[in-house]
Structure formats: structure tokens, C-alpha cells
C-alpha atoms as a PDB file:
ATOM      1  CA  UNK A   1      49.075-227.151 -17.947  1.00  0.00           C
ATOM      2  CA  UNK A   2      47.043-224.560 -19.780  1.00  0.00           C
ATOM      3  CA  UNK A   3      49.793-221.987 -20.353  1.00  0.00           C
ATOM      4  CA  UNK A   4      52.667-224.351 -21.104  1.00  0.00           C
ATOM      5  CA  UNK A   5      53.168-226.538 -24.180  1.00  0.00           C
ATOM      6  CA  UNK A   6      55.118-229.765 -23.996  1.00  0.00           C
ATOM      7  CA  UNK A   7      57.230-230.067 -27.107  1.00  0.00           C
ATOM      8  CA  UNK A   8      59.177-232.903 -28.702  1.00  0.00           C
ATOM      9  CA  UNK A   9      62.815-232.685 -29.838  1.00  0.00           C
ATOM     10  CA  UNK A  10      61.644-232.344 -33.486  1.00  0.00           C
ATOM     11  CA  UNK A  11      59.730-229.146 -32.559  1.00  0.00           C
ATOM     12  CA  UNK A  12      62.582-227.538 -30.629  1.00  0.00           C
ATOM     13  CA  UNK A  13      64.085-225.512 -33.511  1.00  0.00           C
ATOM     14  CA  UNK A  14      60.732-224.053 -34.554  1.00  0.00           C
ATOM     15  CA  UNK A  15      59.423-223.453 -30.995  1.00  0.00           C
ATOM     16  CA  UNK A  16      62.615-222.235 -29.344  1.00  0.00           C
ATOM     17  CA  UNK A  17      65.533-221.410 -31.644  1.00  0.00           C
ATOM     18  CA  UNK A  18      63.388-219.647 -34.265  1.00  0.00           C
ATOM     19  CA  UNK A  19      60.931-218.013 -31.839  1.00  0.00           C
ATOM     20  CA  UNK A  20      60.406-214.269 -32.286  1.00  0.00           C
ATOM     21  CA  UNK A  21      59.642-214.029 -28.557  1.00  0.00           C
ATOM     22  CA  UNK A  22      61.840-215.109 -25.654  1.00  0.00           C
ATOM     23  CA  UNK A  23      61.304-218.717 -24.503  1.00  0.00           C
ATOM     24  CA  UNK A  24      61.682-220.485 -21.148  1.00  0.00           C
ATOM     25  CA  UNK A  25      62.253-224.233 -21.474  1.00  0.00           C
ATOM     26  CA  UNK A  26      61.574-226.540 -18.534  1.00  0.00           C
ATOM     27  CA  UNK A  27      63.744-229.638 -19.020  1.00  0.00           C
ATOM     28  CA  UNK A  28      61.933-232.216 -16.825  1.00  0.00           C
ATOM     29  CA  UNK A  29      61.406-235.956 -16.287  1.00  0.00           C
ATOM     30  CA  UNK A  30      58.108-237.663 -15.435  1.00  0.00           C
ATOM     31  CA  UNK A  31      59.790-239.639 -12.582  1.00  0.00           C
ATOM     32  CA  UNK A  32      61.136-236.483 -10.899  1.00  0.00           C
ATOM     33  CA  UNK A  33      59.210-235.321  -7.749  1.00  0.00           C
ATOM     34  CA  UNK A  34      60.648-231.742  -7.815  1.00  0.00           C
ATOM     35  CA  UNK A  35      59.558-231.497 -11.484  1.00  0.00           C
ATOM     36  CA  UNK A  36      55.982-232.393 -10.452  1.00  0.00           C
ATOM     37  CA  UNK A  37      56.112-229.764  -7.739  1.00  0.00           C
ATOM     38  CA  UNK A  38      57.437-227.149 -10.160  1.00  0.00           C
ATOM     39  CA  UNK A  39      54.834-227.784 -12.870  1.00  0.00           C
ATOM     40  CA  UNK A  40      51.929-225.728 -11.409  1.00  0.00           C
ATOM     41  CA  UNK A  41      54.327-222.928 -10.434  1.00  0.00           C
ATOM     42  CA  UNK A  42      55.779-222.901 -13.982  1.00  0.00           C
ATOM     43  CA  UNK A  43      52.273-222.803 -15.465  1.00  0.00           C
ATOM     44  CA  UNK A  44      51.255-219.901 -13.198  1.00  0.00           C
ATOM     45  CA  UNK A  45      54.313-217.850 -14.158  1.00  0.00           C
ATOM     46  CA  UNK A  46      53.672-218.673 -17.821  1.00  0.00           C
ATOM     47  CA  UNK A  47      50.145-217.215 -17.446  1.00  0.00           C
ATOM     48  CA  UNK A  48      51.621-213.953 -16.203  1.00  0.00           C
ATOM     49  CA  UNK A  49      53.786-213.626 -19.341  1.00  0.00           C
ATOM     50  CA  UNK A  50      51.244-214.622 -22.002  1.00  0.00           C
ATOM     51  CA  UNK A  51      52.063-212.961 -25.304  1.00  0.00           C
ATOM     52  CA  UNK A  52      55.452-211.698 -24.008  1.00  0.00           C
ATOM     53  CA  UNK A  53      57.427-214.888 -23.188  1.00  0.00           C
ATOM     54  CA  UNK A  54      56.736-218.440 -24.371  1.00  0.00           C
ATOM     55  CA  UNK A  55      56.936-221.282 -21.813  1.00  0.00           C
ATOM     56  CA  UNK A  56      57.509-224.851 -22.995  1.00  0.00           C
ATOM     57  CA  UNK A  57      58.475-228.201 -21.447  1.00  0.00           C
ATOM     58  CA  UNK A  58      60.858-230.867 -22.796  1.00  0.00           C
ATOM     59  CA  UNK A  59      60.939-234.373 -21.354  1.00  0.00           C
ATOM     60  CA  UNK A  60      64.633-235.222 -21.071  1.00  0.00           C
ATOM     61  CA  UNK A  61      63.914-238.956 -21.304  1.00  0.00           C
ATOM     62  CA  UNK A  62      62.317-238.408 -24.741  1.00  0.00           C
ATOM     63  CA  UNK A  63      64.832-235.796 -25.886  1.00  0.00           C
ATOM     64  CA  UNK A  64      68.170-237.087 -24.675  1.00  0.00           C
ATOM     65  CA  UNK A  65      70.088-235.318 -27.475  1.00  0.00           C
ATOM     66  CA  UNK A  66      68.763-231.952 -26.275  1.00  0.00           C
ATOM     67  CA  UNK A  67      69.597-232.826 -22.673  1.00  0.00           C
ATOM     68  CA  UNK A  68      73.198-233.536 -23.766  1.00  0.00           C
ATOM     69  CA  UNK A  69      73.380-230.420 -25.990  1.00  0.00           C
ATOM     70  CA  UNK A  70      72.329-228.149 -23.103  1.00  0.00           C
ATOM     71  CA  UNK A  71      74.365-230.046 -20.464  1.00  0.00           C
ATOM     72  CA  UNK A  72      71.291-230.958 -18.384  1.00  0.00           C
ATOM     73  CA  UNK A  73      72.768-232.645 -15.317  1.00  0.00           C
ATOM     74  CA  UNK A  74      69.740-232.331 -13.034  1.00  0.00           C
ATOM     75  CA  UNK A  75      66.004-231.892 -13.452  1.00  0.00           C
ATOM     76  CA  UNK A  76      64.154-229.675 -13.369  1.00  0.00           C
ATOM     77  CA  UNK A  77      66.400-227.288 -15.334  1.00  0.00           C
ATOM     78  CA  UNK A  78      64.954-224.075 -16.700  1.00  0.00           C
ATOM     79  CA  UNK A  79      66.824-222.489 -19.590  1.00  0.00           C
ATOM     80  CA  UNK A  80      65.897-218.994 -20.720  1.00  0.00           C
ATOM     81  CA  UNK A  81      66.323-218.264 -24.444  1.00  0.00           C
ATOM     82  CA  UNK A  82      66.447-214.912 -26.214  1.00  0.00           C
ATOM     83  CA  UNK A  83      67.036-214.685 -29.955  1.00  0.00           C
ATOM     84  CA  UNK A  84      67.297-218.490 -30.029  1.00  0.00           C
ATOM     85  CA  UNK A  85      70.289-218.561 -27.664  1.00  0.00           C
ATOM     86  CA  UNK A  86      70.421-219.591 -23.996  1.00  0.00           C
ATOM     87  CA  UNK A  87      71.023-216.587 -21.744  1.00  0.00           C
ATOM     88  CA  UNK A  88      70.243-217.933 -18.255  1.00  0.00           C
ATOM     89  CA  UNK A  89      69.718-221.239 -16.410  1.00  0.00           C
ATOM     90  CA  UNK A  90      68.030-222.135 -13.145  1.00  0.00           C
ATOM     91  CA  UNK A  91      68.551-225.674 -11.883  1.00  0.00           C
ATOM     92  CA  UNK A  92      66.355-227.408  -9.302  1.00  0.00           C
ATOM     93  CA  UNK A  93      63.058-226.497  -7.745  1.00  0.00           C
ATOM     94  CA  UNK A  94      62.835-222.722  -7.789  1.00  0.00           C
ATOM     95  CA  UNK A  95      60.328-220.254  -6.398  1.00  0.00           C
ATOM     96  CA  UNK A  96      57.720-218.412  -8.420  1.00  0.00           C
ATOM     97  CA  UNK A  97      59.634-215.162  -7.668  1.00  0.00           C
ATOM     98  CA  UNK A  98      62.917-216.627  -9.005  1.00  0.00           C
ATOM     99  CA  UNK A  99      61.277-217.693 -12.228  1.00  0.00           C
ATOM    100  CA  UNK A 100      59.433-214.387 -12.665  1.00  0.00           C
ATOM    101  CA  UNK A 101      62.610-212.381 -12.115  1.00  0.00           C
ATOM    102  CA  UNK A 102      64.536-214.443 -14.674  1.00  0.00           C
ATOM    103  CA  UNK A 103      61.656-214.177 -17.218  1.00  0.00           C
ATOM    104  CA  UNK A 104      61.443-210.397 -16.609  1.00  0.00           C
ATOM    105  CA  UNK A 105      65.141-210.149 -17.412  1.00  0.00           C
ATOM    106  CA  UNK A 106      64.375-211.532 -20.916  1.00  0.00           C
ATOM    107  CA  UNK A 107      62.130-208.559 -21.729  1.00  0.00           C
END
């Protein structure tokens, strides 16, 4: 994962809520096969948006409070933030085109 940073719950405010650029958060779990399938797709899309949109990952097992706060019921869940607020959500394994379109909508 060269274009995506995994963050801890303690970093969430600084990395997401206070970010000057839009952020896409991948809420995932290490035991989740669709999450493993999504990871290289997410990284590839992140590379296409370098400098325009930030892409980060949050392990829901390590950040249960964030999973509850954002009503994560299934992983992977991608939440798109603009101005520190969630504006869109994609749940489940999604295509590169789906993720790109949602990230484009942030700009």
C-alpha cells in the first residue's frame, strides 16, 4: 500500500476531520476476504488522486468506537469525507470505476 496510509483512531481527527483536502476512508478488517481483494484497487485509485484526495484505512477491530460512530455494519465500507463531514458511503467490494466516480464527486 504505497498510496494509502493506515491510521489509528487517535489519528482520525487530524487525518480526516481536520483535513484540508477531501478524504476517503476504507473501514476494513484483516479477517475480511473482500477487504483483501479491495486493497490493491483502493491503492490504485488513491494513486490516481495523489495531491487531490487523501486515502486512508481504518481497521474496525482496532477502532471499534469509530465503527460505531459511522454505523459500520459491513466491511469493507468506504466513507467519503469533505470538509471533515461524511458525504457518501460505498459498502462492500466495489469496482475501481465506482470508487473513482465517488472520489471525483468530492472535487
